[in-house]
Amino acid sequence: MITHFEGITVAKNGGYNMPSDWLTVNGEKNGASFVTVNRNSDGSFGEANWIDIDFPDSSVTSANTVYRNNILGIYLVVDSDDTKTVSSFVAKVKIE
């Protein structure tokens, strides 16, 4: 898997919220995720929590930045006549 993070912000708990774009090495699957990781009191990092972001009927979803538990990005829809439409989104993510 190849992963790209951008627009990383500090979370309330001192950890980080990170938007992620990813694709499998063979290129068969791609997607976006909202990733949170806590910082431990000794400065190390806890386990990352990945929440996938996927729009129905889209061929590509990209995550570009986060603000608190809101993720912003774009997605691509290809219609039956091969018309491509790129749209932006803001999604509120429930952080456990």
N, C-alpha and C. Protein backbone atom coordinates (compact mmCIF):
# COMPACT_ATOMS: atom_id res chain seq x y z
N MET A 1 0.84 -1.18 0.00
CA MET A 1 0.00 0.00 0.00
C MET A 1 0.89 1.24 0.00
N ILE A 2 0.51 2.22 -0.77
CA ILE A 2 1.18 3.52 -0.79
C ILE A 2 0.24 4.52 -0.15
N THR A 3 0.76 5.32 0.80
CA THR A 3 -0.07 6.26 1.55
C THR A 3 0.56 7.65 1.51
N HIS A 4 -0.30 8.67 1.37
CA HIS A 4 0.15 10.06 1.36
C HIS A 4 -0.67 10.84 2.37
N PHE A 5 0.00 11.54 3.28
CA PHE A 5 -0.67 12.38 4.27
C PHE A 5 -0.41 13.84 3.93
N GLU A 6 -1.42 14.69 4.13
CA GLU A 6 -1.27 16.14 3.96
C GLU A 6 -2.30 16.84 4.82
N GLY A 7 -2.09 18.13 5.11
CA GLY A 7 -3.06 18.88 5.89
C GLY A 7 -3.22 18.37 7.31
N ILE A 8 -2.13 17.89 7.91
CA ILE A 8 -2.16 17.31 9.26
C ILE A 8 -2.42 18.42 10.29
N THR A 9 -3.31 18.14 11.24
CA THR A 9 -3.61 19.11 12.30
C THR A 9 -3.49 18.45 13.67
N VAL A 10 -3.30 19.27 14.68
CA VAL A 10 -3.20 18.79 16.06
C VAL A 10 -4.60 18.51 16.59
N ALA A 11 -4.77 17.37 17.25
CA ALA A 11 -6.04 17.00 17.86
C ALA A 11 -6.11 17.55 19.29
N LYS A 12 -7.31 17.59 19.84
CA LYS A 12 -7.51 18.10 21.19
C LYS A 12 -6.69 17.35 22.23
N ASN A 13 -6.48 16.05 22.02
CA ASN A 13 -5.78 15.23 23.00
C ASN A 13 -4.25 15.30 22.87
N GLY A 14 -3.76 16.20 22.02
CA GLY A 14 -2.32 16.31 21.82
C GLY A 14 -1.79 15.39 20.72
N GLY A 15 -2.66 14.59 20.14
CA GLY A 15 -2.27 13.74 19.02
C GLY A 15 -2.47 14.47 17.72
N TYR A 16 -2.74 13.72 16.65
CA TYR A 16 -2.86 14.33 15.33
C TYR A 16 -4.04 13.76 14.58
N ASN A 17 -4.68 14.61 13.77
CA ASN A 17 -5.69 14.21 12.79
C ASN A 17 -5.03 14.34 11.42
N MET A 18 -5.13 13.28 10.62
CA MET A 18 -4.41 13.27 9.35
C MET A 18 -5.30 12.77 8.21
N PRO A 19 -5.48 13.58 7.17
CA PRO A 19 -6.16 13.08 5.98
C PRO A 19 -5.18 12.23 5.18
N SER A 20 -5.67 11.16 4.63
CA SER A 20 -4.79 10.23 3.93
C SER A 20 -5.40 9.84 2.58
N ASP A 21 -4.56 9.85 1.56
CA ASP A 21 -4.89 9.23 0.27
C ASP A 21 -4.05 7.97 0.17
N TRP A 22 -4.61 6.91 -0.35
CA TRP A 22 -3.87 5.66 -0.43
C TRP A 22 -4.26 4.87 -1.68
N LEU A 23 -3.36 4.00 -2.09
CA LEU A 23 -3.67 3.05 -3.15
C LEU A 23 -2.86 1.80 -2.94
N THR A 24 -3.40 0.69 -3.41
CA THR A 24 -2.69 -0.57 -3.29
C THR A 24 -1.55 -0.57 -4.30
N VAL A 25 -0.52 -1.33 -4.00
CA VAL A 25 0.67 -1.35 -4.86
C VAL A 25 0.34 -1.76 -6.28
N ASN A 26 -0.59 -2.69 -6.46
CA ASN A 26 -0.97 -3.11 -7.80
C ASN A 26 -1.96 -2.15 -8.46
N GLY A 27 -2.37 -1.10 -7.74
CA GLY A 27 -3.25 -0.08 -8.30
C GLY A 27 -4.70 -0.49 -8.45
N GLU A 28 -5.08 -1.65 -7.89
CA GLU A 28 -6.45 -2.12 -8.05
C GLU A 28 -7.46 -1.34 -7.22
N LYS A 29 -7.02 -0.76 -6.10
CA LYS A 29 -7.93 -0.06 -5.22
C LYS A 29 -7.27 1.22 -4.72
N ASN A 30 -8.07 2.30 -4.59
CA ASN A 30 -7.57 3.55 -4.02
C ASN A 30 -8.65 4.13 -3.13
N GLY A 31 -8.26 5.06 -2.28
CA GLY A 31 -9.25 5.66 -1.41
C GLY A 31 -8.68 6.75 -0.53
N ALA A 32 -9.49 7.16 0.42
CA ALA A 32 -9.12 8.20 1.37
C ALA A 32 -9.52 7.75 2.76
N SER A 33 -8.81 8.27 3.75
CA SER A 33 -9.11 7.93 5.14
C SER A 33 -8.88 9.13 6.04
N PHE A 34 -9.59 9.16 7.15
CA PHE A 34 -9.37 10.10 8.24
C PHE A 34 -8.63 9.29 9.30
N VAL A 35 -7.41 9.71 9.61
CA VAL A 35 -6.57 8.95 10.53
C VAL A 35 -6.31 9.79 11.78
N THR A 36 -6.49 9.19 12.95
CA THR A 36 -6.13 9.85 14.20
C THR A 36 -5.08 9.01 14.91
N VAL A 37 -4.14 9.70 15.52
CA VAL A 37 -3.13 9.01 16.31
C VAL A 37 -2.88 9.83 17.57
N ASN A 38 -2.87 9.17 18.71
CA ASN A 38 -2.65 9.83 19.98
C ASN A 38 -1.16 9.89 20.30
N ARG A 39 -0.78 10.92 21.03
CA ARG A 39 0.59 11.01 21.53
C ARG A 39 0.55 10.60 23.00
N ASN A 40 1.39 9.65 23.38
CA ASN A 40 1.45 9.17 24.75
C ASN A 40 2.25 10.14 25.62
N SER A 41 2.09 10.03 26.93
CA SER A 41 2.76 10.94 27.87
C SER A 41 4.28 10.86 27.77
N ASP A 42 4.83 9.72 27.31
CA ASP A 42 6.28 9.59 27.16
C ASP A 42 6.79 10.10 25.80
N GLY A 43 5.88 10.66 24.98
CA GLY A 43 6.27 11.21 23.68
C GLY A 43 6.11 10.23 22.53
N SER A 44 5.88 8.96 22.82
CA SER A 44 5.67 7.98 21.76
C SER A 44 4.25 8.12 21.21
N PHE A 45 3.94 7.37 20.18
CA PHE A 45 2.63 7.44 19.56
C PHE A 45 1.84 6.17 19.82
N GLY A 46 0.52 6.33 19.95
CA GLY A 46 -0.37 5.20 20.13
C GLY A 46 -0.75 4.60 18.78
N GLU A 47 -1.65 3.67 18.82
CA GLU A 47 -2.16 2.99 17.63
C GLU A 47 -2.95 3.97 16.76
N ALA A 48 -2.75 3.95 15.47
CA ALA A 48 -3.51 4.81 14.55
C ALA A 48 -4.91 4.24 14.35
N ASN A 49 -5.90 5.13 14.30
CA ASN A 49 -7.29 4.75 14.04
C ASN A 49 -7.65 5.24 12.64
N TRP A 50 -7.94 4.32 11.73
CA TRP A 50 -8.25 4.64 10.33
C TRP A 50 -9.75 4.56 10.10
N ILE A 51 -10.32 5.63 9.55
CA ILE A 51 -11.73 5.64 9.17
C ILE A 51 -11.77 5.95 7.67
N ASP A 52 -12.19 4.98 6.86
CA ASP A 52 -12.23 5.18 5.41
C ASP A 52 -13.33 6.14 5.01
N ILE A 53 -13.05 6.96 4.00
CA ILE A 53 -13.98 7.92 3.44
C ILE A 53 -14.27 7.46 2.01
N ASP A 54 -15.54 7.23 1.69
CA ASP A 54 -15.88 6.73 0.36
C ASP A 54 -17.25 7.26 -0.04
N PHE A 55 -17.33 7.86 -1.20
CA PHE A 55 -18.61 8.34 -1.71
C PHE A 55 -19.19 7.31 -2.66
N PRO A 56 -20.48 6.99 -2.50
CA PRO A 56 -21.12 6.02 -3.39
C PRO A 56 -21.00 6.46 -4.85
N ASP A 57 -20.73 5.51 -5.71
CA ASP A 57 -20.63 5.72 -7.16
C ASP A 57 -19.42 6.57 -7.58
N SER A 58 -18.51 6.88 -6.66
CA SER A 58 -17.32 7.63 -7.07
C SER A 58 -16.22 6.65 -7.44
N SER A 59 -15.37 7.06 -8.38
CA SER A 59 -14.25 6.21 -8.76
C SER A 59 -12.99 6.58 -7.98
N VAL A 60 -12.92 7.80 -7.48
CA VAL A 60 -11.78 8.25 -6.67
C VAL A 60 -12.30 9.18 -5.59
N THR A 61 -11.82 9.01 -4.37
CA THR A 61 -12.08 9.94 -3.27
C THR A 61 -10.74 10.34 -2.71
N SER A 62 -10.54 11.64 -2.51
CA SER A 62 -9.27 12.15 -2.00
C SER A 62 -9.53 12.98 -0.75
N ALA A 63 -8.69 12.81 0.27
CA ALA A 63 -8.78 13.59 1.51
C ALA A 63 -7.64 14.59 1.51
N ASN A 64 -7.94 15.88 1.68
CA ASN A 64 -6.91 16.90 1.54
C ASN A 64 -6.54 17.62 2.82
N THR A 65 -7.48 17.84 3.71
CA THR A 65 -7.15 18.48 4.98
C THR A 65 -8.23 18.16 6.00
N VAL A 66 -7.91 18.40 7.28
CA VAL A 66 -8.87 18.20 8.35
C VAL A 66 -8.90 19.42 9.25
N TYR A 67 -10.05 19.63 9.87
CA TYR A 67 -10.20 20.62 10.93
C TYR A 67 -11.06 19.97 11.99
N ARG A 68 -10.46 19.71 13.15
CA ARG A 68 -11.10 18.94 14.21
C ARG A 68 -11.55 17.60 13.66
N ASN A 69 -12.84 17.31 13.65
CA ASN A 69 -13.31 16.04 13.09
C ASN A 69 -14.00 16.22 11.74
N ASN A 70 -13.65 17.29 11.02
CA ASN A 70 -14.17 17.54 9.68
C ASN A 70 -13.06 17.28 8.67
N ILE A 71 -13.39 16.53 7.65
CA ILE A 71 -12.41 16.23 6.60
C ILE A 71 -12.89 16.85 5.30
N LEU A 72 -11.99 17.44 4.55
CA LEU A 72 -12.30 18.11 3.29
C LEU A 72 -11.52 17.45 2.17
N GLY A 73 -12.14 17.30 1.02
CA GLY A 73 -11.46 16.68 -0.11
C GLY A 73 -12.28 16.78 -1.38
N ILE A 74 -11.95 15.92 -2.32
CA ILE A 74 -12.67 15.86 -3.59
C ILE A 74 -13.00 14.40 -3.93
N TYR A 75 -13.98 14.23 -4.82
CA TYR A 75 -14.27 12.91 -5.34
C TYR A 75 -14.63 13.03 -6.82
N LEU A 76 -14.44 11.95 -7.55
CA LEU A 76 -14.66 11.90 -8.99
C LEU A 76 -15.75 10.89 -9.31
N VAL A 77 -16.71 11.32 -10.12
CA VAL A 77 -17.77 10.42 -10.60
C VAL A 77 -17.66 10.37 -12.11
N VAL A 78 -17.66 9.15 -12.66
CA VAL A 78 -17.64 8.95 -14.11
C VAL A 78 -19.00 8.39 -14.50
N ASP A 79 -19.76 9.16 -15.31
CA ASP A 79 -21.09 8.74 -15.75
C ASP A 79 -20.99 7.66 -16.82
N SER A 80 -22.15 7.07 -17.16
CA SER A 80 -22.19 6.00 -18.15
C SER A 80 -21.71 6.45 -19.53
N ASP A 81 -21.82 7.76 -19.84
CA ASP A 81 -21.33 8.27 -21.13
C ASP A 81 -19.88 8.77 -21.02
N ASP A 82 -19.17 8.37 -19.94
CA ASP A 82 -17.77 8.70 -19.68
C ASP A 82 -17.54 10.17 -19.34
N THR A 83 -18.59 10.88 -18.93
CA THR A 83 -18.45 12.25 -18.45
C THR A 83 -17.89 12.21 -17.04
N LYS A 84 -16.82 12.97 -16.80
CA LYS A 84 -16.18 12.99 -15.50
C LYS A 84 -16.56 14.27 -14.76
N THR A 85 -17.02 14.12 -13.52
CA THR A 85 -17.39 15.25 -12.68
C THR A 85 -16.60 15.20 -11.39
N VAL A 86 -15.85 16.27 -11.09
CA VAL A 86 -15.10 16.38 -9.86
C VAL A 86 -15.87 17.32 -8.92
N SER A 87 -16.09 16.87 -7.69
CA SER A 87 -16.81 17.67 -6.70
C SER A 87 -16.02 17.70 -5.40
N SER A 88 -16.21 18.76 -4.64
CA SER A 88 -15.57 18.84 -3.33
C SER A 88 -16.55 18.40 -2.25
N PHE A 89 -16.01 18.06 -1.08
CA PHE A 89 -16.87 17.65 0.02
C PHE A 89 -16.27 18.08 1.36
N VAL A 90 -17.15 18.18 2.34
CA VAL A 90 -16.78 18.32 3.74
C VAL A 90 -17.58 17.25 4.47
N ALA A 91 -16.92 16.41 5.23
CA ALA A 91 -17.61 15.35 5.96
C ALA A 91 -17.22 15.40 7.44
N LYS A 92 -18.21 15.25 8.30
CA LYS A 92 -17.95 15.19 9.74
C LYS A 92 -17.74 13.73 10.11
N VAL A 93 -16.62 13.46 10.77
CA VAL A 93 -16.24 12.09 11.12
C VAL A 93 -16.44 11.89 12.61
N LYS A 94 -17.06 10.78 12.98
CA LYS A 94 -17.24 10.46 14.40
C LYS A 94 -15.94 9.82 14.90
N ILE A 95 -15.28 10.51 15.80
CA ILE A 95 -14.02 10.01 16.37
C ILE A 95 -14.34 9.26 17.64
N GLU A 96 -13.89 8.03 17.72
CA GLU A 96 -14.14 7.19 18.90
C GLU A 96 -13.22 7.57 20.03
